[in-house]
Amino acid sequence: MHRSYSAMLLAIGLAACSTSSGGGGSTAGHVTLEGTVAYRERIALVPDAVITVQIRDVSLQDAPSVTIASTEFKSEGRQVPIPFSLKYDPAKIEPRRTYSVFARIDDSGGRMLWITDTHNPLPPPGQSIALNLVSANR
């Protein structure tokens, strides 16, 4: 009896100490998607640009996409490629659905300057993504 009780306590203790290796910096059930946003043109980015990166469920073709996670930050004078990190809950990712990583760059007044125009599949946890944006003024 004493031996099985000790084994049970050991198992509970080990389970409590274990951490999930969700990759990409998982914390408290969340995974961090890391990557960069960039565009090919040799045009300087306005110093006060606002970058938005989102994970969207794009499974339904005849309905608007659903945003799973989003981050927004200022460029603070940096030029492309600009790194980003976006925390999301992997429990919200269903295997049978389709997810896309979306990005846009706006000026400080909210006018869109650059945007992703292709499907960028959500990579597995721990893998990064490079998002290529195109001019919104084409």
C-alpha atoms as a PDB file:
ATOM      1  CA  MET A   1       0.000   0.000   0.000  1.00  0.00           C
ATOM      2  CA  HIS A   2       2.782   2.427   0.968  1.00  0.00           C
ATOM      3  CA  ARG A   3       4.698   1.631  -2.237  1.00  0.00           C
ATOM      4  CA  SER A   4       1.686   2.320  -4.532  1.00  0.00           C
ATOM      5  CA  TYR A   5       0.915   5.538  -2.634  1.00  0.00           C
ATOM      6  CA  SER A   6       4.525   6.717  -3.139  1.00  0.00           C
ATOM      7  CA  ALA A   7       4.383   5.807  -6.829  1.00  0.00           C
ATOM      8  CA  MET A   8       1.147   7.756  -7.220  1.00  0.00           C
ATOM      9  CA  LEU A   9       2.652  10.833  -5.516  1.00  0.00           C
ATOM     10  CA  LEU A  10       5.726  10.587  -7.732  1.00  0.00           C
ATOM     11  CA  ALA A  11       3.570  10.392 -10.875  1.00  0.00           C
ATOM     12  CA  ILE A  12       1.489  13.392  -9.807  1.00  0.00           C
ATOM     13  CA  GLY A  13       4.639  15.366  -8.989  1.00  0.00           C
ATOM     14  CA  LEU A  14       6.227  14.591 -12.342  1.00  0.00           C
ATOM     15  CA  ALA A  15       3.043  15.505 -14.205  1.00  0.00           C
ATOM     16  CA  ALA A  16       2.868  18.827 -12.368  1.00  0.00           C
ATOM     17  CA  CYS A  17       6.489  19.637 -13.222  1.00  0.00           C
ATOM     18  CA  SER A  18       6.327  18.720 -16.898  1.00  0.00           C
ATOM     19  CA  THR A  19       5.948  21.436 -19.514  1.00  0.00           C
ATOM     20  CA  SER A  20       4.512  21.160 -22.970  1.00  0.00           C
ATOM     21  CA  SER A  21       6.982  21.751 -25.769  1.00  0.00           C
ATOM     22  CA  GLY A  22       4.628  23.530 -28.119  1.00  0.00           C
ATOM     23  CA  GLY A  23       7.638  25.123 -29.764  1.00  0.00           C
ATOM     24  CA  GLY A  24       7.870  28.749 -30.685  1.00  0.00           C
ATOM     25  CA  GLY A  25       7.849  29.868 -27.044  1.00  0.00           C
ATOM     26  CA  SER A  26       4.704  28.365 -25.566  1.00  0.00           C
ATOM     27  CA  THR A  27       3.474  29.966 -22.357  1.00  0.00           C
ATOM     28  CA  ALA A  28       0.333  29.175 -20.377  1.00  0.00           C
ATOM     29  CA  GLY A  29      -1.260  27.179 -23.185  1.00  0.00           C
ATOM     30  CA  HIS A  30      -0.272  29.625 -25.895  1.00  0.00           C
ATOM     31  CA  VAL A  31       2.152  29.239 -28.784  1.00  0.00           C
ATOM     32  CA  THR A  32       4.108  32.092 -30.348  1.00  0.00           C
ATOM     33  CA  LEU A  33       4.259  32.395 -34.118  1.00  0.00           C
ATOM     34  CA  GLU A  34       7.388  34.260 -35.144  1.00  0.00           C
ATOM     35  CA  GLY A  35       8.191  35.669 -38.544  1.00  0.00           C
ATOM     36  CA  THR A  36       8.878  38.720 -40.661  1.00  0.00           C
ATOM     37  CA  VAL A  37       6.871  41.092 -42.830  1.00  0.00           C
ATOM     38  CA  ALA A  38       8.544  42.483 -45.944  1.00  0.00           C
ATOM     39  CA  TYR A  39       7.920  43.716 -49.469  1.00  0.00           C
ATOM     40  CA  ARG A  40      10.130  43.536 -52.569  1.00  0.00           C
ATOM     41  CA  GLU A  41       9.992  47.160 -53.686  1.00  0.00           C
ATOM     42  CA  ARG A  42      12.874  49.405 -52.702  1.00  0.00           C
ATOM     43  CA  ILE A  43      10.677  51.998 -51.045  1.00  0.00           C
ATOM     44  CA  ALA A  44      11.349  53.299 -47.551  1.00  0.00           C
ATOM     45  CA  LEU A  45       8.618  52.544 -45.057  1.00  0.00           C
ATOM     46  CA  VAL A  46       7.087  55.590 -43.387  1.00  0.00           C
ATOM     47  CA  PRO A  47       8.567  55.928 -39.885  1.00  0.00           C
ATOM     48  CA  ASP A  48       5.192  55.834 -38.115  1.00  0.00           C
ATOM     49  CA  ALA A  49       3.788  52.769 -39.911  1.00  0.00           C
ATOM     50  CA  VAL A  50       1.449  50.402 -38.073  1.00  0.00           C
ATOM     51  CA  ILE A  51       1.870  46.672 -38.726  1.00  0.00           C
ATOM     52  CA  THR A  52      -0.985  44.222 -38.157  1.00  0.00           C
ATOM     53  CA  VAL A  53      -0.506  40.450 -38.248  1.00  0.00           C
ATOM     54  CA  GLN A  54      -3.398  38.018 -37.834  1.00  0.00           C
ATOM     55  CA  ILE A  55      -4.149  34.316 -37.911  1.00  0.00           C
ATOM     56  CA  ARG A  56      -7.469  33.782 -39.671  1.00  0.00           C
ATOM     57  CA  ASP A  57      -9.716  30.785 -40.172  1.00  0.00           C
ATOM     58  CA  VAL A  58     -10.392  30.870 -43.919  1.00  0.00           C
ATOM     59  CA  SER A  59     -12.167  27.514 -44.165  1.00  0.00           C
ATOM     60  CA  LEU A  60     -15.454  28.836 -45.539  1.00  0.00           C
ATOM     61  CA  GLN A  61     -15.252  30.289 -49.032  1.00  0.00           C
ATOM     62  CA  ASP A  62     -18.599  32.053 -48.933  1.00  0.00           C
ATOM     63  CA  ALA A  63     -18.229  33.665 -45.499  1.00  0.00           C
ATOM     64  CA  PRO A  64     -15.903  36.221 -43.931  1.00  0.00           C
ATOM     65  CA  SER A  65     -12.768  34.848 -42.288  1.00  0.00           C
ATOM     66  CA  VAL A  66     -12.666  34.550 -38.502  1.00  0.00           C
ATOM     67  CA  THR A  67      -9.708  36.107 -36.687  1.00  0.00           C
ATOM     68  CA  ILE A  68      -8.103  33.635 -34.267  1.00  0.00           C
ATOM     69  CA  ALA A  69      -5.287  35.916 -33.037  1.00  0.00           C
ATOM     70  CA  SER A  70      -4.043  39.400 -33.839  1.00  0.00           C
ATOM     71  CA  THR A  71      -1.193  41.737 -32.979  1.00  0.00           C
ATOM     72  CA  GLU A  72      -0.572  45.342 -33.943  1.00  0.00           C
ATOM     73  CA  PHE A  73       2.611  47.319 -33.413  1.00  0.00           C
ATOM     74  CA  LYS A  74       4.421  50.409 -34.715  1.00  0.00           C
ATOM     75  CA  SER A  75       7.440  50.183 -36.988  1.00  0.00           C
ATOM     76  CA  GLU A  76       9.265  52.857 -34.950  1.00  0.00           C
ATOM     77  CA  GLY A  77      11.366  53.801 -37.967  1.00  0.00           C
ATOM     78  CA  ARG A  78      12.485  50.237 -38.749  1.00  0.00           C
ATOM     79  CA  GLN A  79      12.626  49.077 -42.346  1.00  0.00           C
ATOM     80  CA  VAL A  80      11.614  45.733 -43.836  1.00  0.00           C
ATOM     81  CA  PRO A  81      12.030  42.947 -43.102  1.00  0.00           C
ATOM     82  CA  ILE A  82      10.420  43.631 -39.729  1.00  0.00           C
ATOM     83  CA  PRO A  83      10.182  40.772 -37.225  1.00  0.00           C
ATOM     84  CA  PHE A  84       6.953  39.993 -35.389  1.00  0.00           C
ATOM     85  CA  SER A  85       5.689  37.548 -32.806  1.00  0.00           C
ATOM     86  CA  LEU A  86       2.045  36.591 -32.390  1.00  0.00           C
ATOM     87  CA  LYS A  87       0.729  34.517 -29.483  1.00  0.00           C
ATOM     88  CA  TYR A  88      -2.218  32.239 -30.137  1.00  0.00           C
ATOM     89  CA  ASP A  89      -4.080  29.429 -28.414  1.00  0.00           C
ATOM     90  CA  PRO A  90      -3.364  26.145 -30.233  1.00  0.00           C
ATOM     91  CA  ALA A  91      -6.631  24.758 -28.833  1.00  0.00           C
ATOM     92  CA  LYS A  92      -8.430  27.086 -31.265  1.00  0.00           C
ATOM     93  CA  ILE A  93      -6.712  25.430 -34.246  1.00  0.00           C
ATOM     94  CA  GLU A  94      -8.824  22.564 -35.573  1.00  0.00           C
ATOM     95  CA  PRO A  95      -7.045  20.033 -37.820  1.00  0.00           C
ATOM     96  CA  ARG A  96      -9.779  19.962 -40.479  1.00  0.00           C
ATOM     97  CA  ARG A  97      -9.905  23.718 -40.955  1.00  0.00           C
ATOM     98  CA  THR A  98      -7.736  26.048 -43.053  1.00  0.00           C
ATOM     99  CA  TYR A  99      -5.782  28.873 -41.420  1.00  0.00           C
ATOM    100  CA  SER A 100      -3.954  31.736 -43.069  1.00  0.00           C
ATOM    101  CA  VAL A 101      -1.509  34.300 -41.716  1.00  0.00           C
ATOM    102  CA  PHE A 102      -2.454  37.792 -42.880  1.00  0.00           C
ATOM    103  CA  ALA A 103      -0.494  41.041 -42.598  1.00  0.00           C
ATOM    104  CA  ARG A 104      -0.914  44.661 -43.532  1.00  0.00           C
ATOM    105  CA  ILE A 105       1.010  47.870 -43.046  1.00  0.00           C
ATOM    106  CA  ASP A 106      -0.858  51.154 -42.620  1.00  0.00           C
ATOM    107  CA  ASP A 107       0.348  54.704 -42.189  1.00  0.00           C
ATOM    108  CA  SER A 108      -0.452  56.458 -38.894  1.00  0.00           C
ATOM    109  CA  GLY A 109      -3.676  57.808 -40.399  1.00  0.00           C
ATOM    110  CA  GLY A 110      -4.998  54.308 -41.111  1.00  0.00           C
ATOM    111  CA  ARG A 111      -4.387  54.331 -44.877  1.00  0.00           C
ATOM    112  CA  MET A 112      -3.359  50.883 -46.063  1.00  0.00           C
ATOM    113  CA  LEU A 113       0.069  50.847 -47.723  1.00  0.00           C
ATOM    114  CA  TRP A 114       1.002  47.148 -47.987  1.00  0.00           C
ATOM    115  CA  ILE A 115      -0.963  43.893 -47.656  1.00  0.00           C
ATOM    116  CA  THR A 116      -0.605  40.142 -48.138  1.00  0.00           C
ATOM    117  CA  ASP A 117      -2.497  39.062 -51.247  1.00  0.00           C
ATOM    118  CA  THR A 118      -1.922  35.312 -51.156  1.00  0.00           C
ATOM    119  CA  HIS A 119      -2.731  32.451 -48.804  1.00  0.00           C
ATOM    120  CA  ASN A 120       0.038  32.014 -46.228  1.00  0.00           C
ATOM    121  CA  PRO A 121      -0.651  28.730 -44.407  1.00  0.00           C
ATOM    122  CA  LEU A 122      -0.193  28.752 -40.642  1.00  0.00           C
ATOM    123  CA  PRO A 123       3.055  26.840 -40.029  1.00  0.00           C
ATOM    124  CA  PRO A 124       3.330  24.149 -37.358  1.00  0.00           C
ATOM    125  CA  PRO A 125       4.335  25.368 -33.880  1.00  0.00           C
ATOM    126  CA  GLY A 126       8.031  26.177 -33.726  1.00  0.00           C
ATOM    127  CA  GLN A 127       8.355  27.103 -37.406  1.00  0.00           C
ATOM    128  CA  SER A 128       8.609  30.724 -38.511  1.00  0.00           C
ATOM    129  CA  ILE A 129       6.995  32.406 -41.504  1.00  0.00           C
ATOM    130  CA  ALA A 130       8.121  35.126 -43.922  1.00  0.00           C
ATOM    131  CA  LEU A 131       5.191  37.221 -45.157  1.00  0.00           C
ATOM    132  CA  ASN A 132       5.611  39.025 -48.475  1.00  0.00           C
ATOM    133  CA  LEU A 133       3.358  42.035 -48.877  1.00  0.00           C
ATOM    134  CA  VAL A 134       2.340  43.907 -52.013  1.00  0.00           C
ATOM    135  CA  SER A 135       1.487  47.550 -52.500  1.00  0.00           C
ATOM    136  CA  ALA A 136      -2.106  48.461 -51.749  1.00  0.00           C
ATOM    137  CA  ASN A 137      -1.843  51.186 -54.412  1.00  0.00           C
ATOM    138  CA  ARG A 138      -1.350  48.943 -57.468  1.00  0.00           C
END
